[in-house]
All heavy atoms as atom14 arrays in JSON, in Angstrom:
{
  "sequence": "LGGGGFYAAYSGLIPAGGHAAAPTSEDTAFADIAFLPLDPLIISLGA",
  "atom14_mask": [
    [1, 1, 1, 1, 1, 1, 1, 1, 0, 0, 0, 0, 0, 0],
    [1, 1, 1, 1, 0, 0, 0, 0, 0, 0, 0, 0, 0, 0],
    [1, 1, 1, 1, 0, 0, 0, 0, 0, 0, 0, 0, 0, 0],
    [1, 1, 1, 1, 0, 0, 0, 0, 0, 0, 0, 0, 0, 0],
    [1, 1, 1, 1, 0, 0, 0, 0, 0, 0, 0, 0, 0, 0],
    [1, 1, 1, 1, 1, 1, 1, 1, 1, 1, 1, 0, 0, 0],
    [1, 1, 1, 1, 1, 1, 1, 1, 1, 1, 1, 1, 0, 0],
    [1, 1, 1, 1, 1, 0, 0, 0, 0, 0, 0, 0, 0, 0],
    [1, 1, 1, 1, 1, 0, 0, 0, 0, 0, 0, 0, 0, 0],
    [1, 1, 1, 1, 1, 1, 1, 1, 1, 1, 1, 1, 0, 0],
    [1, 1, 1, 1, 1, 1, 0, 0, 0, 0, 0, 0, 0, 0],
    [1, 1, 1, 1, 0, 0, 0, 0, 0, 0, 0, 0, 0, 0],
    [1, 1, 1, 1, 1, 1, 1, 1, 0, 0, 0, 0, 0, 0],
    [1, 1, 1, 1, 1, 1, 1, 1, 0, 0, 0, 0, 0, 0],
    [1, 1, 1, 1, 1, 1, 1, 0, 0, 0, 0, 0, 0, 0],
    [1, 1, 1, 1, 1, 0, 0, 0, 0, 0, 0, 0, 0, 0],
    [1, 1, 1, 1, 0, 0, 0, 0, 0, 0, 0, 0, 0, 0],
    [1, 1, 1, 1, 0, 0, 0, 0, 0, 0, 0, 0, 0, 0],
    [1, 1, 1, 1, 1, 1, 1, 1, 1, 1, 0, 0, 0, 0],
    [1, 1, 1, 1, 1, 0, 0, 0, 0, 0, 0, 0, 0, 0],
    [1, 1, 1, 1, 1, 0, 0, 0, 0, 0, 0, 0, 0, 0],
    [1, 1, 1, 1, 1, 0, 0, 0, 0, 0, 0, 0, 0, 0],
    [1, 1, 1, 1, 1, 1, 1, 0, 0, 0, 0, 0, 0, 0],
    [1, 1, 1, 1, 1, 1, 1, 0, 0, 0, 0, 0, 0, 0],
    [1, 1, 1, 1, 1, 1, 0, 0, 0, 0, 0, 0, 0, 0],
    [1, 1, 1, 1, 1, 1, 1, 1, 1, 0, 0, 0, 0, 0],
    [1, 1, 1, 1, 1, 1, 1, 1, 0, 0, 0, 0, 0, 0],
    [1, 1, 1, 1, 1, 1, 1, 0, 0, 0, 0, 0, 0, 0],
    [1, 1, 1, 1, 1, 0, 0, 0, 0, 0, 0, 0, 0, 0],
    [1, 1, 1, 1, 1, 1, 1, 1, 1, 1, 1, 0, 0, 0],
    [1, 1, 1, 1, 1, 0, 0, 0, 0, 0, 0, 0, 0, 0],
    [1, 1, 1, 1, 1, 1, 1, 1, 0, 0, 0, 0, 0, 0],
    [1, 1, 1, 1, 1, 1, 1, 1, 0, 0, 0, 0, 0, 0],
    [1, 1, 1, 1, 1, 0, 0, 0, 0, 0, 0, 0, 0, 0],
    [1, 1, 1, 1, 1, 1, 1, 1, 1, 1, 1, 0, 0, 0],
    [1, 1, 1, 1, 1, 1, 1, 1, 0, 0, 0, 0, 0, 0],
    [1, 1, 1, 1, 1, 1, 1, 0, 0, 0, 0, 0, 0, 0],
    [1, 1, 1, 1, 1, 1, 1, 1, 0, 0, 0, 0, 0, 0],
    [1, 1, 1, 1, 1, 1, 1, 1, 0, 0, 0, 0, 0, 0],
    [1, 1, 1, 1, 1, 1, 1, 0, 0, 0, 0, 0, 0, 0],
    [1, 1, 1, 1, 1, 1, 1, 1, 0, 0, 0, 0, 0, 0],
    [1, 1, 1, 1, 1, 1, 1, 1, 0, 0, 0, 0, 0, 0],
    [1, 1, 1, 1, 1, 1, 1, 1, 0, 0, 0, 0, 0, 0],
    [1, 1, 1, 1, 1, 1, 0, 0, 0, 0, 0, 0, 0, 0],
    [1, 1, 1, 1, 1, 1, 1, 1, 0, 0, 0, 0, 0, 0],
    [1, 1, 1, 1, 0, 0, 0, 0, 0, 0, 0, 0, 0, 0],
    [1, 1, 1, 1, 1, 0, 0, 0, 0, 0, 0, 0, 0, 0]
  ],
  "atom14_positions": [
    [[19.77, 46.25, -75.89], [20.74, 45.99, -74.83], [20.28, 44.83, -73.94], [21.1, 44.01, -73.51], [20.98, 47.24, -74.0], [21.76, 48.35, -74.7], [21.8, 49.6, -73.84], [23.15, 47.88, -75.06], [0.0, 0.0, 0.0], [0.0, 0.0, 0.0], [0.0, 0.0, 0.0], [0.0, 0.0, 0.0], [0.0, 0.0, 0.0], [0.0, 0.0, 0.0]],
    [[18.99, 44.75, -73.66], [18.48, 43.63, -72.87], [18.67, 42.31, -73.59], [19.08, 41.31, -73.0], [0.0, 0.0, 0.0], [0.0, 0.0, 0.0], [0.0, 0.0, 0.0], [0.0, 0.0, 0.0], [0.0, 0.0, 0.0], [0.0, 0.0, 0.0], [0.0, 0.0, 0.0], [0.0, 0.0, 0.0], [0.0, 0.0, 0.0], [0.0, 0.0, 0.0]],
    [[18.38, 42.29, -74.89], [18.58, 41.07, -75.68], [20.05, 40.7, -75.77], [20.4, 39.51, -75.67], [0.0, 0.0, 0.0], [0.0, 0.0, 0.0], [0.0, 0.0, 0.0], [0.0, 0.0, 0.0], [0.0, 0.0, 0.0], [0.0, 0.0, 0.0], [0.0, 0.0, 0.0], [0.0, 0.0, 0.0], [0.0, 0.0, 0.0], [0.0, 0.0, 0.0]],
    [[20.9, 41.67, -75.94], [22.34, 41.41, -76.0], [22.87, 40.88, -74.67], [23.69, 39.96, -74.63], [0.0, 0.0, 0.0], [0.0, 0.0, 0.0], [0.0, 0.0, 0.0], [0.0, 0.0, 0.0], [0.0, 0.0, 0.0], [0.0, 0.0, 0.0], [0.0, 0.0, 0.0], [0.0, 0.0, 0.0], [0.0, 0.0, 0.0], [0.0, 0.0, 0.0]],
    [[22.4, 41.44, -73.56], [22.81, 40.96, -72.25], [22.34, 39.53, -71.99], [23.07, 38.71, -71.45], [0.0, 0.0, 0.0], [0.0, 0.0, 0.0], [0.0, 0.0, 0.0], [0.0, 0.0, 0.0], [0.0, 0.0, 0.0], [0.0, 0.0, 0.0], [0.0, 0.0, 0.0], [0.0, 0.0, 0.0], [0.0, 0.0, 0.0], [0.0, 0.0, 0.0]],
    [[21.11, 39.24, -72.4], [20.6, 37.88, -72.25], [21.42, 36.9, -73.07], [21.8, 35.83, -72.59], [19.12, 37.8, -72.67], [18.6, 36.4, -72.71], [18.27, 35.74, -71.54], [18.46, 35.74, -73.91], [17.8, 34.45, -71.57], [17.99, 34.44, -73.96], [17.66, 33.78, -72.78], [0.0, 0.0, 0.0], [0.0, 0.0, 0.0], [0.0, 0.0, 0.0]],
    [[21.72, 37.26, -74.31], [22.5, 36.37, -75.17], [23.9, 36.14, -74.58], [24.39, 35.01, -74.57], [22.61, 36.94, -76.58], [23.52, 36.1, -77.46], [23.08, 34.87, -77.95], [24.82, 36.5, -77.76], [23.9, 34.08, -78.72], [25.65, 35.71, -78.53], [25.19, 34.51, -79.02], [26.0, 33.72, -79.77], [0.0, 0.0, 0.0], [0.0, 0.0, 0.0]],
    [[24.52, 37.2, -74.09], [25.86, 37.06, -73.52], [25.85, 36.16, -72.29], [26.74, 35.32, -72.12], [26.42, 38.44, -73.17], [0.0, 0.0, 0.0], [0.0, 0.0, 0.0], [0.0, 0.0, 0.0], [0.0, 0.0, 0.0], [0.0, 0.0, 0.0], [0.0, 0.0, 0.0], [0.0, 0.0, 0.0], [0.0, 0.0, 0.0], [0.0, 0.0, 0.0]],
    [[24.83, 36.29, -71.45], [24.76, 35.45, -70.26], [24.4, 34.01, -70.62], [24.95, 33.06, -70.08], [23.73, 36.01, -69.28], [0.0, 0.0, 0.0], [0.0, 0.0, 0.0], [0.0, 0.0, 0.0], [0.0, 0.0, 0.0], [0.0, 0.0, 0.0], [0.0, 0.0, 0.0], [0.0, 0.0, 0.0], [0.0, 0.0, 0.0], [0.0, 0.0, 0.0]],
    [[23.49, 33.83, -71.55], [23.02, 32.5, -71.92], [24.1, 31.71, -72.67], [24.24, 30.51, -72.48], [21.77, 32.63, -72.78], [21.11, 31.31, -73.09], [20.39, 30.64, -72.12], [21.22, 30.74, -74.35], [19.79, 29.43, -72.38], [20.63, 29.52, -74.63], [19.9, 28.87, -73.65], [19.31, 27.67, -73.92], [0.0, 0.0, 0.0], [0.0, 0.0, 0.0]],
    [[24.86, 32.38, -73.51], [25.86, 31.68, -74.31], [27.16, 31.42, -73.55], [28.02, 30.7, -74.02], [26.17, 32.47, -75.58], [26.79, 33.7, -75.25], [0.0, 0.0, 0.0], [0.0, 0.0, 0.0], [0.0, 0.0, 0.0], [0.0, 0.0, 0.0], [0.0, 0.0, 0.0], [0.0, 0.0, 0.0], [0.0, 0.0, 0.0], [0.0, 0.0, 0.0]],
    [[27.31, 32.01, -72.38], [28.5, 31.77, -71.58], [29.58, 32.81, -71.76], [30.68, 32.63, -71.26], [0.0, 0.0, 0.0], [0.0, 0.0, 0.0], [0.0, 0.0, 0.0], [0.0, 0.0, 0.0], [0.0, 0.0, 0.0], [0.0, 0.0, 0.0], [0.0, 0.0, 0.0], [0.0, 0.0, 0.0], [0.0, 0.0, 0.0], [0.0, 0.0, 0.0]],
    [[29.29, 33.87, -72.47], [30.29, 34.94, -72.62], [30.56, 35.63, -71.29], [31.65, 36.12, -71.05], [29.82, 35.96, -73.66], [29.72, 35.44, -75.1], [29.12, 36.5, -76.0], [31.08, 35.01, -75.62], [0.0, 0.0, 0.0], [0.0, 0.0, 0.0], [0.0, 0.0, 0.0], [0.0, 0.0, 0.0], [0.0, 0.0, 0.0], [0.0, 0.0, 0.0]],
    [[29.56, 35.66, -70.42], [29.72, 36.19, -69.08], [29.84, 34.98, -68.15], [28.93, 34.17, -68.07], [28.52, 37.08, -68.68], [28.42, 38.26, -69.63], [28.66, 37.54, -67.23], [27.19, 39.12, -69.39], [0.0, 0.0, 0.0], [0.0, 0.0, 0.0], [0.0, 0.0, 0.0], [0.0, 0.0, 0.0], [0.0, 0.0, 0.0], [0.0, 0.0, 0.0]],
    [[30.95, 34.81, -67.41], [31.17, 33.59, -66.63], [30.1, 33.3, -65.59], [29.76, 32.17, -65.35], [32.51, 33.82, -65.96], [33.16, 34.92, -66.7], [32.08, 35.71, -67.36], [0.0, 0.0, 0.0], [0.0, 0.0, 0.0], [0.0, 0.0, 0.0], [0.0, 0.0, 0.0], [0.0, 0.0, 0.0], [0.0, 0.0, 0.0], [0.0, 0.0, 0.0]],
    [[29.54, 34.31, -64.95], [28.54, 34.08, -63.91], [27.14, 34.08, -64.5], [26.18, 34.28, -63.8], [28.66, 35.14, -62.83], [0.0, 0.0, 0.0], [0.0, 0.0, 0.0], [0.0, 0.0, 0.0], [0.0, 0.0, 0.0], [0.0, 0.0, 0.0], [0.0, 0.0, 0.0], [0.0, 0.0, 0.0], [0.0, 0.0, 0.0], [0.0, 0.0, 0.0]],
    [[27.04, 33.84, -65.77], [25.77, 33.93, -66.47], [24.85, 32.77, -66.21], [24.88, 32.13, -65.17], [0.0, 0.0, 0.0], [0.0, 0.0, 0.0], [0.0, 0.0, 0.0], [0.0, 0.0, 0.0], [0.0, 0.0, 0.0], [0.0, 0.0, 0.0], [0.0, 0.0, 0.0], [0.0, 0.0, 0.0], [0.0, 0.0, 0.0], [0.0, 0.0, 0.0]],
    [[24.02, 32.47, -67.19], [22.9, 31.56, -67.07], [23.24, 30.14, -66.69], [22.44, 29.48, -66.07], [0.0, 0.0, 0.0], [0.0, 0.0, 0.0], [0.0, 0.0, 0.0], [0.0, 0.0, 0.0], [0.0, 0.0, 0.0], [0.0, 0.0, 0.0], [0.0, 0.0, 0.0], [0.0, 0.0, 0.0], [0.0, 0.0, 0.0], [0.0, 0.0, 0.0]],
    [[24.37, 29.6, -67.03], [24.68, 28.2, -66.74], [25.61, 28.12, -65.55], [26.65, 28.75, -65.5], [25.36, 27.53, -67.94], [24.52, 27.55, -69.18], [23.21, 27.19, -69.19], [24.81, 27.91, -70.45], [22.73, 27.3, -70.42], [23.67, 27.74, -71.2], [0.0, 0.0, 0.0], [0.0, 0.0, 0.0], [0.0, 0.0, 0.0], [0.0, 0.0, 0.0]],
    [[25.23, 27.31, -64.58], [26.08, 27.09, -63.41], [27.15, 26.07, -63.77], [26.89, 25.11, -64.48], [25.26, 26.59, -62.23], [0.0, 0.0, 0.0], [0.0, 0.0, 0.0], [0.0, 0.0, 0.0], [0.0, 0.0, 0.0], [0.0, 0.0, 0.0], [0.0, 0.0, 0.0], [0.0, 0.0, 0.0], [0.0, 0.0, 0.0], [0.0, 0.0, 0.0]],
    [[28.32, 26.3, -63.28], [29.41, 25.37, -63.57], [29.18, 24.08, -62.8], [28.82, 24.09, -61.63], [30.75, 25.99, -63.16], [0.0, 0.0, 0.0], [0.0, 0.0, 0.0], [0.0, 0.0, 0.0], [0.0, 0.0, 0.0], [0.0, 0.0, 0.0], [0.0, 0.0, 0.0], [0.0, 0.0, 0.0], [0.0, 0.0, 0.0], [0.0, 0.0, 0.0]],
    [[29.39, 22.98, -63.46], [29.22, 21.67, -62.81], [30.38, 21.45, -61.85], [31.52, 21.82, -62.13], [29.19, 20.57, -63.86], [0.0, 0.0, 0.0], [0.0, 0.0, 0.0], [0.0, 0.0, 0.0], [0.0, 0.0, 0.0], [0.0, 0.0, 0.0], [0.0, 0.0, 0.0], [0.0, 0.0, 0.0], [0.0, 0.0, 0.0], [0.0, 0.0, 0.0]],
    [[30.11, 20.86, -60.68], [31.19, 20.61, -59.75], [32.19, 19.62, -60.32], [31.83, 18.64, -60.97], [30.5, 20.02, -58.52], [29.07, 19.88, -58.84], [28.83, 20.45, -60.19], [0.0, 0.0, 0.0], [0.0, 0.0, 0.0], [0.0, 0.0, 0.0], [0.0, 0.0, 0.0], [0.0, 0.0, 0.0], [0.0, 0.0, 0.0], [0.0, 0.0, 0.0]],
    [[33.44, 19.9, -60.11], [34.5, 19.04, -60.62], [35.18, 18.32, -59.46], [34.93, 18.6, -58.3], [35.54, 19.87, -61.39], [36.11, 20.82, -60.49], [34.9, 20.6, -62.56], [0.0, 0.0, 0.0], [0.0, 0.0, 0.0], [0.0, 0.0, 0.0], [0.0, 0.0, 0.0], [0.0, 0.0, 0.0], [0.0, 0.0, 0.0], [0.0, 0.0, 0.0]],
    [[36.06, 17.41, -59.8], [36.77, 16.68, -58.76], [37.75, 17.59, -58.02], [38.13, 17.3, -56.9], [37.52, 15.5, -59.37], [38.47, 15.96, -60.31], [0.0, 0.0, 0.0], [0.0, 0.0, 0.0], [0.0, 0.0, 0.0], [0.0, 0.0, 0.0], [0.0, 0.0, 0.0], [0.0, 0.0, 0.0], [0.0, 0.0, 0.0], [0.0, 0.0, 0.0]],
    [[38.15, 18.7, -58.66], [39.06, 19.63, -58.0], [38.33, 20.5, -56.99], [38.95, 21.18, -56.19], [39.76, 20.54, -59.01], [40.73, 19.83, -59.93], [40.06, 19.39, -61.22], [38.94, 19.82, -61.5], [40.67, 18.62, -61.95], [0.0, 0.0, 0.0], [0.0, 0.0, 0.0], [0.0, 0.0, 0.0], [0.0, 0.0, 0.0], [0.0, 0.0, 0.0]],
    [[36.99, 20.51, -57.06], [36.23, 21.35, -56.15], [36.3, 20.77, -54.75], [35.77, 19.71, -54.47], [34.77, 21.43, -56.63], [33.97, 22.44, -55.84], [34.55, 23.3, -55.17], [32.73, 22.36, -55.9], [0.0, 0.0, 0.0], [0.0, 0.0, 0.0], [0.0, 0.0, 0.0], [0.0, 0.0, 0.0], [0.0, 0.0, 0.0], [0.0, 0.0, 0.0]],
    [[36.96, 21.46, -53.86], [37.17, 20.96, -52.51], [36.31, 21.69, -51.5], [36.59, 21.64, -50.3], [38.65, 21.1, -52.12], [39.0, 22.49, -52.19], [39.53, 20.25, -53.0], [0.0, 0.0, 0.0], [0.0, 0.0, 0.0], [0.0, 0.0, 0.0], [0.0, 0.0, 0.0], [0.0, 0.0, 0.0], [0.0, 0.0, 0.0], [0.0, 0.0, 0.0]],
    [[35.26, 22.38, -51.95], [34.41, 23.12, -51.02], [33.73, 22.2, -50.03], [33.52, 22.56, -48.89], [33.38, 23.93, -51.79], [0.0, 0.0, 0.0], [0.0, 0.0, 0.0], [0.0, 0.0, 0.0], [0.0, 0.0, 0.0], [0.0, 0.0, 0.0], [0.0, 0.0, 0.0], [0.0, 0.0, 0.0], [0.0, 0.0, 0.0], [0.0, 0.0, 0.0]],
    [[33.39, 20.99, -50.45], [32.69, 20.07, -49.57], [33.58, 18.92, -49.11], [33.13, 18.04, -48.39], [31.45, 19.51, -50.27], [30.46, 20.58, -50.61], [30.25, 20.95, -51.92], [29.76, 21.23, -49.62], [29.34, 21.95, -52.24], [28.84, 22.21, -49.92], [28.64, 22.57, -51.24], [0.0, 0.0, 0.0], [0.0, 0.0, 0.0], [0.0, 0.0, 0.0]],
    [[34.81, 18.92, -49.51], [35.7, 17.83, -49.15], [36.1, 17.86, -47.67], [36.37, 16.83, -47.09], [36.95, 17.86, -50.01], [0.0, 0.0, 0.0], [0.0, 0.0, 0.0], [0.0, 0.0, 0.0], [0.0, 0.0, 0.0], [0.0, 0.0, 0.0], [0.0, 0.0, 0.0], [0.0, 0.0, 0.0], [0.0, 0.0, 0.0], [0.0, 0.0, 0.0]],
    [[36.09, 19.04, -47.08], [36.54, 19.14, -45.7], [35.37, 19.17, -44.7], [35.53, 19.59, -43.58], [37.42, 20.37, -45.52], [36.68, 21.66, -45.83], [35.63, 21.6, -46.48], [37.17, 22.72, -45.41], [0.0, 0.0, 0.0], [0.0, 0.0, 0.0], [0.0, 0.0, 0.0], [0.0, 0.0, 0.0], [0.0, 0.0, 0.0], [0.0, 0.0, 0.0]],
    [[34.2, 18.69, -45.11], [33.02, 18.66, -44.23], [32.75, 17.23, -43.79], [32.83, 16.3, -44.58], [31.78, 19.22, -44.96], [31.96, 20.7, -45.24], [30.53, 19.0, -44.13], [30.82, 21.29, -46.02], [0.0, 0.0, 0.0], [0.0, 0.0, 0.0], [0.0, 0.0, 0.0], [0.0, 0.0, 0.0], [0.0, 0.0, 0.0], [0.0, 0.0, 0.0]],
    [[32.45, 17.09, -42.53], [32.04, 15.79, -41.99], [30.78, 16.0, -41.16], [30.54, 17.09, -40.64], [33.15, 15.2, -41.11], [0.0, 0.0, 0.0], [0.0, 0.0, 0.0], [0.0, 0.0, 0.0], [0.0, 0.0, 0.0], [0.0, 0.0, 0.0], [0.0, 0.0, 0.0], [0.0, 0.0, 0.0], [0.0, 0.0, 0.0], [0.0, 0.0, 0.0]],
    [[29.96, 14.97, -41.09], [28.74, 15.04, -40.31], [28.85, 14.07, -39.14], [29.14, 12.9, -39.32], [27.52, 14.69, -41.18], [27.28, 15.71, -42.25], [27.74, 15.49, -43.54], [26.62, 16.88, -41.97], [27.54, 16.43, -44.53], [26.42, 17.83, -42.95], [26.87, 17.61, -44.23], [0.0, 0.0, 0.0], [0.0, 0.0, 0.0], [0.0, 0.0, 0.0]],
    [[28.63, 14.6, -37.96], [28.74, 13.83, -36.74], [27.34, 13.63, -36.17], [26.72, 14.58, -35.68], [29.63, 14.58, -35.74], [29.9, 13.91, -34.43], [30.75, 12.66, -34.65], [30.61, 14.86, -33.49], [0.0, 0.0, 0.0], [0.0, 0.0, 0.0], [0.0, 0.0, 0.0], [0.0, 0.0, 0.0], [0.0, 0.0, 0.0], [0.0, 0.0, 0.0]],
    [[26.82, 12.4, -36.24], [25.47, 12.17, -35.7], [25.46, 12.21, -34.18], [26.39, 11.72, -33.53], [25.09, 10.79, -36.24], [26.39, 10.12, -36.53], [27.38, 11.2, -36.85], [0.0, 0.0, 0.0], [0.0, 0.0, 0.0], [0.0, 0.0, 0.0], [0.0, 0.0, 0.0], [0.0, 0.0, 0.0], [0.0, 0.0, 0.0], [0.0, 0.0, 0.0]],
    [[24.42, 12.83, -33.65], [24.23, 12.85, -32.2], [23.23, 11.78, -31.83], [22.34, 11.44, -32.6], [23.7, 14.23, -31.76], [24.63, 15.41, -32.02], [23.93, 16.7, -31.63], [25.92, 15.26, -31.24], [0.0, 0.0, 0.0], [0.0, 0.0, 0.0], [0.0, 0.0, 0.0], [0.0, 0.0, 0.0], [0.0, 0.0, 0.0], [0.0, 0.0, 0.0]],
    [[23.38, 11.25, -30.64], [22.44, 10.25, -30.14], [21.06, 10.88, -30.02], [20.93, 12.04, -29.6], [22.88, 9.73, -28.78], [24.25, 9.06, -28.84], [24.61, 8.55, -29.92], [24.96, 9.07, -27.81], [0.0, 0.0, 0.0], [0.0, 0.0, 0.0], [0.0, 0.0, 0.0], [0.0, 0.0, 0.0], [0.0, 0.0, 0.0], [0.0, 0.0, 0.0]],
    [[20.0, 10.15, -30.36], [18.64, 10.7, -30.22], [18.33, 11.0, -28.76], [18.73, 10.27, -27.85], [17.74, 9.59, -30.75], [18.61, 8.7, -31.54], [19.99, 8.82, -30.98], [0.0, 0.0, 0.0], [0.0, 0.0, 0.0], [0.0, 0.0, 0.0], [0.0, 0.0, 0.0], [0.0, 0.0, 0.0], [0.0, 0.0, 0.0], [0.0, 0.0, 0.0]],
    [[17.61, 12.09, -28.54], [17.19, 12.49, -27.21], [15.68, 12.34, -27.1], [14.95, 12.69, -28.03], [17.57, 13.95, -26.94], [19.04, 14.32, -26.97], [19.18, 15.84, -26.86], [19.77, 13.66, -25.84], [0.0, 0.0, 0.0], [0.0, 0.0, 0.0], [0.0, 0.0, 0.0], [0.0, 0.0, 0.0], [0.0, 0.0, 0.0], [0.0, 0.0, 0.0]],
    [[15.21, 11.86, -25.97], [13.78, 11.84, -25.67], [13.62, 12.69, -24.42], [14.15, 12.35, -23.35], [13.27, 10.41, -25.47], [13.45, 9.63, -26.76], [11.8, 10.44, -25.04], [13.05, 8.18, -26.68], [0.0, 0.0, 0.0], [0.0, 0.0, 0.0], [0.0, 0.0, 0.0], [0.0, 0.0, 0.0], [0.0, 0.0, 0.0], [0.0, 0.0, 0.0]],
    [[12.9, 13.78, -24.56], [12.8, 14.77, -23.5], [11.35, 14.85, -23.04], [10.45, 15.04, -23.87], [13.28, 16.15, -23.99], [14.76, 16.07, -24.34], [13.06, 17.22, -22.96], [15.04, 16.43, -25.74], [0.0, 0.0, 0.0], [0.0, 0.0, 0.0], [0.0, 0.0, 0.0], [0.0, 0.0, 0.0], [0.0, 0.0, 0.0], [0.0, 0.0, 0.0]],
    [[11.1, 14.74, -21.73], [9.76, 14.98, -21.2], [9.57, 16.5, -21.16], [10.47, 17.25, -20.8], [9.61, 14.36, -19.82], [10.47, 14.98, -18.91], [0.0, 0.0, 0.0], [0.0, 0.0, 0.0], [0.0, 0.0, 0.0], [0.0, 0.0, 0.0], [0.0, 0.0, 0.0], [0.0, 0.0, 0.0], [0.0, 0.0, 0.0], [0.0, 0.0, 0.0]],
    [[8.38, 16.92, -21.53], [8.16, 18.35, -21.72], [7.67, 19.07, -20.47], [7.25, 20.21, -20.55], [7.18, 18.56, -22.88], [7.73, 18.11, -24.23], [6.68, 18.25, -25.29], [8.98, 18.87, -24.6], [0.0, 0.0, 0.0], [0.0, 0.0, 0.0], [0.0, 0.0, 0.0], [0.0, 0.0, 0.0], [0.0, 0.0, 0.0], [0.0, 0.0, 0.0]],
    [[7.69, 18.46, -19.35], [7.35, 19.14, -18.11], [6.0, 18.72, -17.56], [5.23, 17.99, -18.19], [0.0, 0.0, 0.0], [0.0, 0.0, 0.0], [0.0, 0.0, 0.0], [0.0, 0.0, 0.0], [0.0, 0.0, 0.0], [0.0, 0.0, 0.0], [0.0, 0.0, 0.0], [0.0, 0.0, 0.0], [0.0, 0.0, 0.0], [0.0, 0.0, 0.0]],
    [[5.68, 19.22, -16.38], [4.46, 18.82, -15.68], [3.2, 19.33, -16.38], [2.2, 18.64, -16.42], [4.51, 19.33, -14.24], [0.0, 0.0, 0.0], [0.0, 0.0, 0.0], [0.0, 0.0, 0.0], [0.0, 0.0, 0.0], [0.0, 0.0, 0.0], [0.0, 0.0, 0.0], [0.0, 0.0, 0.0], [0.0, 0.0, 0.0], [0.0, 0.0, 0.0]]
  ]
}
């Protein structure tokens, strides 16, 4: 059963198995993210 489970995951019979799906152009998980840089701060640390 362990060998069969490994084979099923490795060969792609189980979708969430061993190989991660490559990101496609339809993948919009990161399309709606923007990075806003903040101005550098120089802070004196006290007396």
